[in-house]
C-alpha atoms as a PDB file:
ATOM      1  CA  MET A   1       3.136 -14.134 -11.937  1.00  0.00           C
ATOM      2  CA  GLN A   2       1.666 -11.088 -10.375  1.00  0.00           C
ATOM      3  CA  GLU A   3      -2.114 -10.471 -10.115  1.00  0.00           C
ATOM      4  CA  ALA A   4      -4.008  -7.216 -10.862  1.00  0.00           C
ATOM      5  CA  CYS A   5      -4.949  -5.250  -7.810  1.00  0.00           C
ATOM      6  CA  ASP A   6      -8.780  -3.320  -8.873  1.00  0.00           C
ATOM      7  CA  LEU A   7      -8.604  -1.713  -4.879  1.00  0.00           C
ATOM      8  CA  THR A   8      -9.527   1.850  -4.948  1.00  0.00           C
ATOM      9  CA  ILE A   9      -7.242   4.281  -2.752  1.00  0.00           C
ATOM     10  CA  GLY A  10      -9.602   6.173  -0.250  1.00  0.00           C
ATOM     11  CA  ALA A  11      -7.116   8.004   1.640  1.00  0.00           C
ATOM     12  CA  THR A  12      -3.268   9.074   2.149  1.00  0.00           C
ATOM     13  CA  VAL A  13      -1.708   9.073   4.902  1.00  0.00           C
ATOM     14  CA  GLY A  14       1.587  11.408   4.910  1.00  0.00           C
ATOM     15  CA  ILE A  15       3.797  11.139   7.531  1.00  0.00           C
ATOM     16  CA  ASP A  16       6.894  13.697   8.372  1.00  0.00           C
ATOM     17  CA  VAL A  17       8.908  11.792  11.204  1.00  0.00           C
ATOM     18  CA  SER A  18      11.506  13.454  13.182  1.00  0.00           C
ATOM     19  CA  LYS A  19      13.327  12.661  16.171  1.00  0.00           C
ATOM     20  CA  ASP A  20      10.537  13.591  19.023  1.00  0.00           C
ATOM     21  CA  ARG A  21       7.205  14.405  16.927  1.00  0.00           C
ATOM     22  CA  LEU A  22       5.021  12.419  14.029  1.00  0.00           C
ATOM     23  CA  ASP A  23       3.535  15.263  11.766  1.00  0.00           C
ATOM     24  CA  VAL A  24       0.734  13.632  10.060  1.00  0.00           C
ATOM     25  CA  VAL A  25      -1.755  14.701   7.281  1.00  0.00           C
ATOM     26  CA  LEU A  26      -4.546  12.413   6.005  1.00  0.00           C
ATOM     27  CA  ARG A  27      -6.025  13.721   2.558  1.00  0.00           C
ATOM     28  CA  ARG A  28      -9.167  12.118   1.562  1.00  0.00           C
ATOM     29  CA  GLU A  29     -11.414  13.736  -1.329  1.00  0.00           C
ATOM     30  CA  GLU A  30      -9.138  16.687  -1.767  1.00  0.00           C
ATOM     31  CA  ARG A  31      -9.634  17.497   2.366  1.00  0.00           C
ATOM     32  CA  ASP A  32      -6.553  17.660   4.630  1.00  0.00           C
ATOM     33  CA  GLN A  33      -6.802  17.050   8.234  1.00  0.00           C
ATOM     34  CA  THR A  34      -3.314  17.228  10.288  1.00  0.00           C
ATOM     35  CA  ARG A  35      -2.422  15.861  13.626  1.00  0.00           C
ATOM     36  CA  GLY A  36       0.710  15.475  15.467  1.00  0.00           C
ATOM     37  CA  CYS A  37       1.875  13.023  17.667  1.00  0.00           C
ATOM     38  CA  ALA A  38       4.881  11.727  19.996  1.00  0.00           C
ATOM     39  CA  ASN A  39       7.535   9.596  18.035  1.00  0.00           C
ATOM     40  CA  SER A  40       6.857   6.909  20.747  1.00  0.00           C
ATOM     41  CA  ALA A  41       5.005   3.925  21.405  1.00  0.00           C
ATOM     42  CA  ALA A  42       1.918   6.025  23.222  1.00  0.00           C
ATOM     43  CA  GLY A  43       2.403   8.385  20.309  1.00  0.00           C
ATOM     44  CA  PHE A  44       1.845   5.428  17.611  1.00  0.00           C
ATOM     45  CA  LEU A  45      -1.546   4.273  19.449  1.00  0.00           C
ATOM     46  CA  ASP A  46      -2.727   7.871  19.760  1.00  0.00           C
ATOM     47  CA  LEU A  47      -2.180   8.005  15.502  1.00  0.00           C
ATOM     48  CA  HIS A  48      -4.103   4.532  15.409  1.00  0.00           C
ATOM     49  CA  ARG A  49      -6.857   5.287  17.576  1.00  0.00           C
ATOM     50  CA  TRP A  50      -7.381   8.846  15.681  1.00  0.00           C
ATOM     51  CA  LEU A  51      -7.088   6.674  11.908  1.00  0.00           C
ATOM     52  CA  CYS A  52      -9.437   4.404  13.248  1.00  0.00           C
ATOM     53  CA  GLY A  53     -11.869   7.217  14.606  1.00  0.00           C
ATOM     54  CA  GLN A  54     -11.548   8.915  10.983  1.00  0.00           C
ATOM     55  CA  ASP A  55     -13.048   5.724   9.347  1.00  0.00           C
ATOM     56  CA  VAL A  56      -9.958   5.020   7.646  1.00  0.00           C
ATOM     57  CA  GLN A  57      -9.745   1.537   5.714  1.00  0.00           C
ATOM     58  CA  PRO A  58      -6.329  -0.017   5.871  1.00  0.00           C
ATOM     59  CA  GLN A  59      -7.223  -1.812   2.536  1.00  0.00           C
ATOM     60  CA  GLN A  60      -8.044   1.512   0.747  1.00  0.00           C
ATOM     61  CA  THR A  61      -5.022   3.355   2.187  1.00  0.00           C
ATOM     62  CA  ARG A  62      -1.707   4.524   1.058  1.00  0.00           C
ATOM     63  CA  VAL A  63       0.732   5.681   3.910  1.00  0.00           C
ATOM     64  CA  VAL A  64       3.827   7.727   2.423  1.00  0.00           C
END
């Protein structure tokens, strides 16, 4: 039996993936912030650091 989840989504992260690049949009409260990074291990780390610096809570974030 599946339990109900009462978490509120506080942010949505949209990622457009291409061979060499990730184009990212962070949406919170109807405001968008954009970021681009390399599609590589170093780019993933850059994206992670940026999201942490934006105070994005993983439990309240939808990634699409």
